[in-house]
Amino acid sequence: MYWAQALAAQTKDADMAAEFKSIAEALNDHESTINEELISVQGQSVDIEGYYSTDTDKTYAAMRPSATLNGIIDGM
C-alpha cells in the first residue's frame, strides 16, 4: 500500500501518479480485508510437493493467499 501511495503522490510523472491513485485507494479501502486474509494463513504448513522442484500451481496459490490483494494487483 505504501509504495502505491508514494507513486500516486509523486509529481515527476503525472501519468504514473494518475494510474497509481486508484490502486492506492483500492489498497487503502480494502486494507483490513487484505490483512485478515494474510494473517489467516500464517503458521499453517503448505504442501507444495517438493523443495527445489515444486508444483507450480500449489506454490503460486501458497504465495498469493489474499484474493482481494490479488484482484487489485492483477487489475493493474
N, C-alpha and C. Protein backbone atom coordinates (compact mmCIF):
# COMPACT_ATOMS: atom_id res chain seq x y z
N MET A 1 0.82 -1.18 0.00
CA MET A 1 0.00 0.00 0.00
C MET A 1 0.87 1.25 0.00
N TYR A 2 1.95 1.21 0.75
CA TYR A 2 2.76 2.41 0.89
C TYR A 2 3.45 2.79 -0.41
N TRP A 3 3.89 1.78 -1.18
CA TRP A 3 4.53 2.09 -2.45
C TRP A 3 3.53 2.70 -3.41
N ALA A 4 2.30 2.23 -3.40
CA ALA A 4 1.26 2.76 -4.28
C ALA A 4 0.92 4.20 -3.88
N GLN A 5 0.86 4.46 -2.59
CA GLN A 5 0.60 5.82 -2.12
C GLN A 5 1.73 6.76 -2.53
N ALA A 6 2.97 6.29 -2.41
CA ALA A 6 4.11 7.12 -2.77
C ALA A 6 4.13 7.41 -4.27
N LEU A 7 3.82 6.41 -5.07
CA LEU A 7 3.78 6.63 -6.52
C LEU A 7 2.63 7.56 -6.91
N ALA A 8 1.51 7.47 -6.22
CA ALA A 8 0.38 8.34 -6.51
C ALA A 8 0.66 9.78 -6.08
N ALA A 9 1.49 9.96 -5.06
CA ALA A 9 1.77 11.29 -4.53
C ALA A 9 2.93 11.99 -5.23
N GLN A 10 3.76 11.23 -5.94
CA GLN A 10 4.92 11.85 -6.57
C GLN A 10 4.47 12.78 -7.70
N THR A 11 5.30 13.77 -8.02
CA THR A 11 4.92 14.78 -9.01
C THR A 11 5.81 14.78 -10.25
N LYS A 12 6.76 13.89 -10.36
CA LYS A 12 7.65 13.86 -11.53
C LYS A 12 7.00 13.23 -12.75
N ASP A 13 6.05 12.33 -12.54
CA ASP A 13 5.39 11.63 -13.64
C ASP A 13 3.88 11.62 -13.39
N ALA A 14 3.18 12.54 -14.05
CA ALA A 14 1.74 12.71 -13.82
C ALA A 14 0.95 11.48 -14.25
N ASP A 15 1.35 10.83 -15.34
CA ASP A 15 0.64 9.64 -15.80
C ASP A 15 0.74 8.51 -14.77
N MET A 16 1.93 8.34 -14.22
CA MET A 16 2.12 7.30 -13.20
C MET A 16 1.31 7.63 -11.95
N ALA A 17 1.32 8.89 -11.55
CA ALA A 17 0.55 9.29 -10.38
C ALA A 17 -0.93 9.01 -10.57
N ALA A 18 -1.43 9.31 -11.76
CA ALA A 18 -2.85 9.07 -12.03
C ALA A 18 -3.17 7.57 -12.01
N GLU A 19 -2.29 6.76 -12.58
CA GLU A 19 -2.53 5.32 -12.61
C GLU A 19 -2.51 4.73 -11.22
N PHE A 20 -1.59 5.16 -10.37
CA PHE A 20 -1.47 4.57 -9.04
C PHE A 20 -2.42 5.17 -8.02
N LYS A 21 -3.09 6.26 -8.36
CA LYS A 21 -4.05 6.84 -7.43
C LYS A 21 -5.18 5.85 -7.13
N SER A 22 -5.74 5.23 -8.17
CA SER A 22 -6.83 4.29 -7.96
C SER A 22 -6.36 3.02 -7.25
N ILE A 23 -5.13 2.61 -7.54
CA ILE A 23 -4.58 1.42 -6.88
C ILE A 23 -4.37 1.70 -5.39
N ALA A 24 -3.81 2.87 -5.08
CA ALA A 24 -3.60 3.24 -3.68
C ALA A 24 -4.92 3.33 -2.93
N GLU A 25 -5.94 3.88 -3.59
CA GLU A 25 -7.26 3.99 -2.95
C GLU A 25 -7.87 2.61 -2.71
N ALA A 26 -7.73 1.72 -3.69
CA ALA A 26 -8.28 0.36 -3.53
C ALA A 26 -7.57 -0.37 -2.40
N LEU A 27 -6.25 -0.25 -2.33
CA LEU A 27 -5.50 -0.90 -1.25
C LEU A 27 -5.90 -0.33 0.10
N ASN A 28 -6.06 0.97 0.17
CA ASN A 28 -6.46 1.61 1.42
C ASN A 28 -7.87 1.18 1.83
N ASP A 29 -8.78 1.15 0.87
CA ASP A 29 -10.17 0.78 1.16
C ASP A 29 -10.31 -0.66 1.64
N HIS A 30 -9.43 -1.55 1.18
CA HIS A 30 -9.52 -2.97 1.49
C HIS A 30 -8.41 -3.45 2.44
N GLU A 31 -7.74 -2.52 3.09
CA GLU A 31 -6.60 -2.88 3.95
C GLU A 31 -6.96 -3.91 5.01
N SER A 32 -8.06 -3.75 5.70
CA SER A 32 -8.39 -4.69 6.78
C SER A 32 -8.72 -6.08 6.23
N THR A 33 -9.38 -6.15 5.11
CA THR A 33 -9.69 -7.44 4.49
C THR A 33 -8.41 -8.14 4.05
N ILE A 34 -7.51 -7.40 3.41
CA ILE A 34 -6.24 -7.97 2.96
C ILE A 34 -5.44 -8.47 4.16
N ASN A 35 -5.37 -7.68 5.22
CA ASN A 35 -4.65 -8.10 6.42
C ASN A 35 -5.25 -9.37 7.01
N GLU A 36 -6.57 -9.45 7.08
CA GLU A 36 -7.23 -10.64 7.61
C GLU A 36 -6.90 -11.87 6.76
N GLU A 37 -6.93 -11.71 5.44
CA GLU A 37 -6.64 -12.84 4.55
C GLU A 37 -5.19 -13.30 4.71
N LEU A 38 -4.26 -12.38 4.85
CA LEU A 38 -2.85 -12.74 5.01
C LEU A 38 -2.58 -13.35 6.38
N ILE A 39 -3.17 -12.79 7.42
CA ILE A 39 -2.96 -13.29 8.78
C ILE A 39 -3.58 -14.68 8.96
N SER A 40 -4.69 -14.94 8.28
CA SER A 40 -5.39 -16.21 8.47
C SER A 40 -4.58 -17.41 7.99
N VAL A 41 -3.60 -17.22 7.15
CA VAL A 41 -2.80 -18.35 6.64
C VAL A 41 -1.45 -18.48 7.33
N GLN A 42 -1.14 -17.57 8.23
CA GLN A 42 0.15 -17.61 8.92
C GLN A 42 0.24 -18.83 9.83
N GLY A 43 1.39 -19.48 9.82
CA GLY A 43 1.64 -20.59 10.71
C GLY A 43 1.13 -21.93 10.22
N GLN A 44 0.48 -21.95 9.07
CA GLN A 44 -0.04 -23.20 8.53
C GLN A 44 0.97 -23.79 7.56
N SER A 45 1.20 -25.08 7.65
CA SER A 45 2.10 -25.72 6.69
C SER A 45 1.38 -25.88 5.36
N VAL A 46 2.17 -25.85 4.28
CA VAL A 46 1.61 -25.94 2.94
C VAL A 46 2.40 -27.00 2.18
N ASP A 47 1.69 -27.93 1.56
CA ASP A 47 2.33 -28.95 0.74
C ASP A 47 2.43 -28.42 -0.69
N ILE A 48 3.66 -28.10 -1.11
CA ILE A 48 3.88 -27.63 -2.48
C ILE A 48 4.58 -28.70 -3.32
N GLU A 49 4.59 -29.92 -2.78
CA GLU A 49 5.10 -31.11 -3.48
C GLU A 49 6.56 -30.97 -3.93
N GLY A 50 7.39 -30.62 -3.00
CA GLY A 50 8.81 -30.58 -3.34
C GLY A 50 9.55 -29.50 -2.60
N TYR A 51 10.85 -29.43 -2.85
CA TYR A 51 11.70 -28.42 -2.24
C TYR A 51 12.31 -27.54 -3.31
N TYR A 52 13.01 -28.14 -4.24
CA TYR A 52 13.60 -27.37 -5.34
C TYR A 52 12.68 -27.31 -6.54
N SER A 53 12.04 -28.41 -6.83
CA SER A 53 11.14 -28.50 -7.97
C SER A 53 9.73 -28.72 -7.43
N THR A 54 9.02 -27.64 -7.24
CA THR A 54 7.70 -27.70 -6.62
C THR A 54 6.60 -27.70 -7.67
N ASP A 55 5.39 -28.02 -7.23
CA ASP A 55 4.22 -27.91 -8.09
C ASP A 55 3.93 -26.42 -8.29
N THR A 56 3.95 -25.98 -9.52
CA THR A 56 3.81 -24.55 -9.82
C THR A 56 2.48 -23.98 -9.32
N ASP A 57 1.38 -24.66 -9.56
CA ASP A 57 0.08 -24.15 -9.15
C ASP A 57 -0.06 -24.06 -7.63
N LYS A 58 0.43 -25.08 -6.93
CA LYS A 58 0.36 -25.06 -5.46
C LYS A 58 1.26 -23.98 -4.88
N THR A 59 2.44 -23.81 -5.46
CA THR A 59 3.36 -22.77 -4.99
C THR A 59 2.76 -21.39 -5.23
N TYR A 60 2.19 -21.18 -6.39
CA TYR A 60 1.57 -19.90 -6.74
C TYR A 60 0.43 -19.58 -5.77
N ALA A 61 -0.40 -20.57 -5.47
CA ALA A 61 -1.51 -20.35 -4.55
C ALA A 61 -1.02 -20.04 -3.14
N ALA A 62 0.05 -20.73 -2.71
CA ALA A 62 0.58 -20.51 -1.36
C ALA A 62 1.22 -19.13 -1.23
N MET A 63 1.80 -18.63 -2.30
CA MET A 63 2.50 -17.35 -2.26
C MET A 63 1.56 -16.16 -2.45
N ARG A 64 0.32 -16.43 -2.86
CA ARG A 64 -0.65 -15.35 -3.08
C ARG A 64 -1.96 -15.68 -2.38
N PRO A 65 -1.97 -15.67 -1.03
CA PRO A 65 -3.15 -16.13 -0.29
C PRO A 65 -4.29 -15.12 -0.18
N SER A 66 -4.09 -13.89 -0.59
CA SER A 66 -5.15 -12.88 -0.46
C SER A 66 -5.84 -12.64 -1.80
N ALA A 67 -7.06 -13.11 -1.92
CA ALA A 67 -7.83 -12.91 -3.16
C ALA A 67 -8.07 -11.44 -3.42
N THR A 68 -8.28 -10.66 -2.36
CA THR A 68 -8.53 -9.24 -2.50
C THR A 68 -7.30 -8.53 -3.05
N LEU A 69 -6.15 -8.78 -2.47
CA LEU A 69 -4.91 -8.17 -2.94
C LEU A 69 -4.60 -8.63 -4.36
N ASN A 70 -4.78 -9.92 -4.63
CA ASN A 70 -4.53 -10.44 -5.97
C ASN A 70 -5.39 -9.73 -7.02
N GLY A 71 -6.64 -9.49 -6.69
CA GLY A 71 -7.53 -8.81 -7.62
C GLY A 71 -7.07 -7.40 -7.94
N ILE A 72 -6.59 -6.70 -6.93
CA ILE A 72 -6.09 -5.34 -7.13
C ILE A 72 -4.82 -5.36 -7.97
N ILE A 73 -3.90 -6.25 -7.65
CA ILE A 73 -2.63 -6.35 -8.38
C ILE A 73 -2.88 -6.79 -9.83
N ASP A 74 -3.72 -7.79 -10.01
CA ASP A 74 -3.99 -8.30 -11.35
C ASP A 74 -4.70 -7.28 -12.22
N GLY A 75 -5.39 -6.33 -11.60
CA GLY A 75 -6.08 -5.30 -12.34
C GLY A 75 -5.20 -4.14 -12.78
N MET A 76 -3.95 -4.21 -12.41
CA MET A 76 -3.03 -3.11 -12.78
C MET A 76 -2.74 -3.10 -14.25
